[in-house]
């Protein structure tokens, strides 16, 4: 049985709101993901393929992923 925390890591990215400044709309239009605001953080949720691609997109724009 897979480790649930490992599955979560492959299907979501959790970031503070300021890391998505000016990028949220482009992420939502380029990738099949859902962005949920949870107080002091945003959760980007999608398939492992989409999360990997979105993570690479963010990294290329200087966002440090946890």
N, C-alpha and C. Protein backbone atom coordinates (compact mmCIF):
# COMPACT_ATOMS: atom_id res chain seq x y z
N UNK A 1 0.85 -1.18 0.00
CA UNK A 1 0.00 0.00 0.00
C UNK A 1 0.90 1.25 0.00
N UNK A 2 0.65 2.19 -0.91
CA UNK A 2 1.46 3.41 -0.98
C UNK A 2 1.29 4.28 0.27
N UNK A 3 2.33 5.03 0.57
CA UNK A 3 2.31 5.97 1.69
C UNK A 3 1.45 7.18 1.31
N UNK A 4 0.39 7.48 2.09
CA UNK A 4 -0.51 8.60 1.75
C UNK A 4 0.21 9.95 1.62
N UNK A 5 1.21 10.22 2.46
CA UNK A 5 1.90 11.51 2.36
C UNK A 5 2.67 11.63 1.06
N UNK A 6 3.19 10.52 0.57
CA UNK A 6 3.91 10.54 -0.70
C UNK A 6 2.95 10.80 -1.86
N UNK A 7 1.76 10.20 -1.80
CA UNK A 7 0.74 10.46 -2.82
C UNK A 7 0.32 11.92 -2.82
N UNK A 8 0.14 12.51 -1.63
CA UNK A 8 -0.23 13.92 -1.53
C UNK A 8 0.83 14.80 -2.16
N UNK A 9 2.10 14.48 -1.91
CA UNK A 9 3.19 15.28 -2.47
C UNK A 9 3.20 15.26 -3.99
N UNK A 10 2.72 14.17 -4.58
CA UNK A 10 2.73 14.09 -6.04
C UNK A 10 1.47 14.68 -6.67
N UNK A 11 0.49 15.06 -5.86
CA UNK A 11 -0.76 15.59 -6.40
C UNK A 11 -1.08 17.00 -5.92
N UNK A 12 -0.15 17.63 -5.20
CA UNK A 12 -0.40 19.00 -4.75
C UNK A 12 0.89 19.76 -4.50
N UNK A 13 0.77 21.07 -4.58
CA UNK A 13 1.84 21.99 -4.22
C UNK A 13 1.22 23.00 -3.26
N UNK A 14 1.85 23.21 -2.12
CA UNK A 14 1.35 24.17 -1.14
C UNK A 14 2.33 25.33 -1.07
N UNK A 15 1.80 26.54 -1.27
CA UNK A 15 2.64 27.75 -1.32
C UNK A 15 1.97 28.90 -0.59
N UNK A 16 2.78 29.85 -0.09
CA UNK A 16 2.19 31.08 0.45
C UNK A 16 1.62 31.92 -0.71
N UNK A 17 0.60 32.72 -0.44
CA UNK A 17 -0.07 33.50 -1.50
C UNK A 17 0.88 34.37 -2.32
N UNK A 18 1.89 34.96 -1.70
CA UNK A 18 2.78 35.86 -2.44
C UNK A 18 3.57 35.14 -3.52
N UNK A 19 3.76 33.82 -3.40
CA UNK A 19 4.50 33.08 -4.42
C UNK A 19 3.70 32.96 -5.72
N UNK A 20 2.39 33.15 -5.66
CA UNK A 20 1.56 33.05 -6.86
C UNK A 20 1.20 34.41 -7.44
N UNK A 21 1.72 35.49 -6.86
CA UNK A 21 1.42 36.83 -7.38
C UNK A 21 1.73 36.91 -8.87
N UNK A 22 0.72 37.21 -9.65
CA UNK A 22 0.88 37.37 -11.08
C UNK A 22 0.99 36.07 -11.86
N UNK A 23 0.94 34.93 -11.19
CA UNK A 23 1.09 33.65 -11.87
C UNK A 23 -0.17 32.78 -11.83
N UNK A 24 -1.08 33.09 -10.93
CA UNK A 24 -2.24 32.22 -10.72
C UNK A 24 -3.05 32.01 -12.00
N UNK A 25 -3.38 33.08 -12.69
CA UNK A 25 -4.20 32.97 -13.90
C UNK A 25 -3.50 32.14 -14.97
N UNK A 26 -2.20 32.35 -15.12
CA UNK A 26 -1.46 31.59 -16.13
C UNK A 26 -1.39 30.10 -15.77
N UNK A 27 -1.22 29.79 -14.50
CA UNK A 27 -1.20 28.40 -14.07
C UNK A 27 -2.55 27.75 -14.36
N UNK A 28 -3.63 28.44 -14.01
CA UNK A 28 -4.97 27.89 -14.22
C UNK A 28 -5.28 27.71 -15.71
N UNK A 29 -4.73 28.54 -16.57
CA UNK A 29 -5.01 28.41 -18.00
C UNK A 29 -4.10 27.39 -18.68
N UNK A 30 -2.89 27.19 -18.17
CA UNK A 30 -1.93 26.27 -18.80
C UNK A 30 -2.08 24.83 -18.33
N UNK A 31 -2.51 24.64 -17.09
CA UNK A 31 -2.51 23.32 -16.48
C UNK A 31 -3.91 22.96 -15.98
N UNK A 32 -4.20 21.66 -15.95
CA UNK A 32 -5.48 21.19 -15.44
C UNK A 32 -5.32 20.98 -13.94
N UNK A 33 -5.45 22.08 -13.21
CA UNK A 33 -5.29 22.06 -11.76
C UNK A 33 -6.38 22.91 -11.12
N UNK A 34 -6.54 22.71 -9.83
CA UNK A 34 -7.44 23.53 -9.03
C UNK A 34 -6.59 24.24 -8.00
N UNK A 35 -6.82 25.54 -7.82
CA UNK A 35 -6.09 26.30 -6.81
C UNK A 35 -7.08 26.69 -5.72
N UNK A 36 -6.77 26.26 -4.50
CA UNK A 36 -7.64 26.48 -3.36
C UNK A 36 -6.92 27.38 -2.36
N UNK A 37 -7.60 28.43 -1.91
CA UNK A 37 -7.05 29.30 -0.87
C UNK A 37 -7.41 28.72 0.49
N UNK A 38 -6.39 28.54 1.31
CA UNK A 38 -6.58 28.01 2.66
C UNK A 38 -5.90 28.93 3.66
N UNK A 39 -6.52 30.05 3.93
CA UNK A 39 -5.96 31.00 4.89
C UNK A 39 -4.65 31.60 4.42
N UNK A 40 -3.56 31.18 5.03
CA UNK A 40 -2.24 31.74 4.73
C UNK A 40 -1.49 30.96 3.66
N UNK A 41 -2.18 30.10 2.93
CA UNK A 41 -1.50 29.34 1.88
C UNK A 41 -2.46 29.00 0.73
N UNK A 42 -1.87 28.70 -0.42
CA UNK A 42 -2.61 28.21 -1.56
C UNK A 42 -2.21 26.77 -1.78
N UNK A 43 -3.18 25.96 -2.16
CA UNK A 43 -2.94 24.56 -2.49
C UNK A 43 -3.29 24.37 -3.96
N UNK A 44 -2.30 23.96 -4.75
CA UNK A 44 -2.50 23.65 -6.16
C UNK A 44 -2.67 22.14 -6.23
N UNK A 45 -3.81 21.69 -6.74
CA UNK A 45 -4.16 20.27 -6.72
C UNK A 45 -4.37 19.79 -8.16
N UNK A 46 -3.80 18.64 -8.48
CA UNK A 46 -3.98 18.06 -9.81
C UNK A 46 -3.37 16.68 -9.90
N UNK A 47 -3.37 16.13 -11.08
CA UNK A 47 -2.77 14.81 -11.30
C UNK A 47 -1.26 14.92 -11.12
N UNK A 48 -0.59 13.80 -10.85
CA UNK A 48 0.87 13.85 -10.72
C UNK A 48 1.55 14.49 -11.94
N UNK A 49 1.05 14.19 -13.14
CA UNK A 49 1.63 14.78 -14.36
C UNK A 49 1.48 16.30 -14.35
N UNK A 50 0.27 16.79 -14.06
CA UNK A 50 0.01 18.24 -14.06
C UNK A 50 0.79 18.94 -12.95
N UNK A 51 0.87 18.32 -11.78
CA UNK A 51 1.61 18.93 -10.67
C UNK A 51 3.09 19.03 -11.00
N UNK A 52 3.64 18.00 -11.62
CA UNK A 52 5.05 18.05 -12.02
C UNK A 52 5.28 19.19 -13.01
N UNK A 53 4.42 19.30 -14.01
CA UNK A 53 4.55 20.36 -15.02
C UNK A 53 4.37 21.74 -14.39
N UNK A 54 3.39 21.89 -13.51
CA UNK A 54 3.17 23.18 -12.85
C UNK A 54 4.35 23.52 -11.94
N UNK A 55 4.90 22.53 -11.28
CA UNK A 55 6.08 22.75 -10.44
C UNK A 55 7.27 23.23 -11.24
N UNK A 56 7.49 22.63 -12.40
CA UNK A 56 8.58 23.06 -13.28
C UNK A 56 8.35 24.49 -13.76
N UNK A 57 7.11 24.80 -14.12
CA UNK A 57 6.74 26.15 -14.54
C UNK A 57 7.06 27.17 -13.43
N UNK A 58 6.64 26.85 -12.21
CA UNK A 58 6.91 27.76 -11.08
C UNK A 58 8.39 27.91 -10.80
N UNK A 59 9.12 26.82 -10.85
CA UNK A 59 10.57 26.85 -10.59
C UNK A 59 11.27 27.73 -11.62
N UNK A 60 10.88 27.63 -12.89
CA UNK A 60 11.49 28.46 -13.94
C UNK A 60 11.22 29.94 -13.73
N UNK A 61 10.19 30.25 -12.96
CA UNK A 61 9.86 31.65 -12.68
C UNK A 61 10.34 32.09 -11.30
N UNK A 62 11.23 31.30 -10.70
CA UNK A 62 11.87 31.71 -9.46
C UNK A 62 11.15 31.35 -8.18
N UNK A 63 10.10 30.54 -8.26
CA UNK A 63 9.37 30.14 -7.06
C UNK A 63 10.07 28.92 -6.48
N UNK A 64 10.43 28.99 -5.21
CA UNK A 64 11.06 27.86 -4.54
C UNK A 64 9.98 26.94 -4.00
N UNK A 65 10.01 25.69 -4.42
CA UNK A 65 9.02 24.71 -3.97
C UNK A 65 9.51 24.02 -2.71
N UNK A 66 8.55 23.73 -1.81
CA UNK A 66 8.93 23.05 -0.56
C UNK A 66 9.38 21.62 -0.81
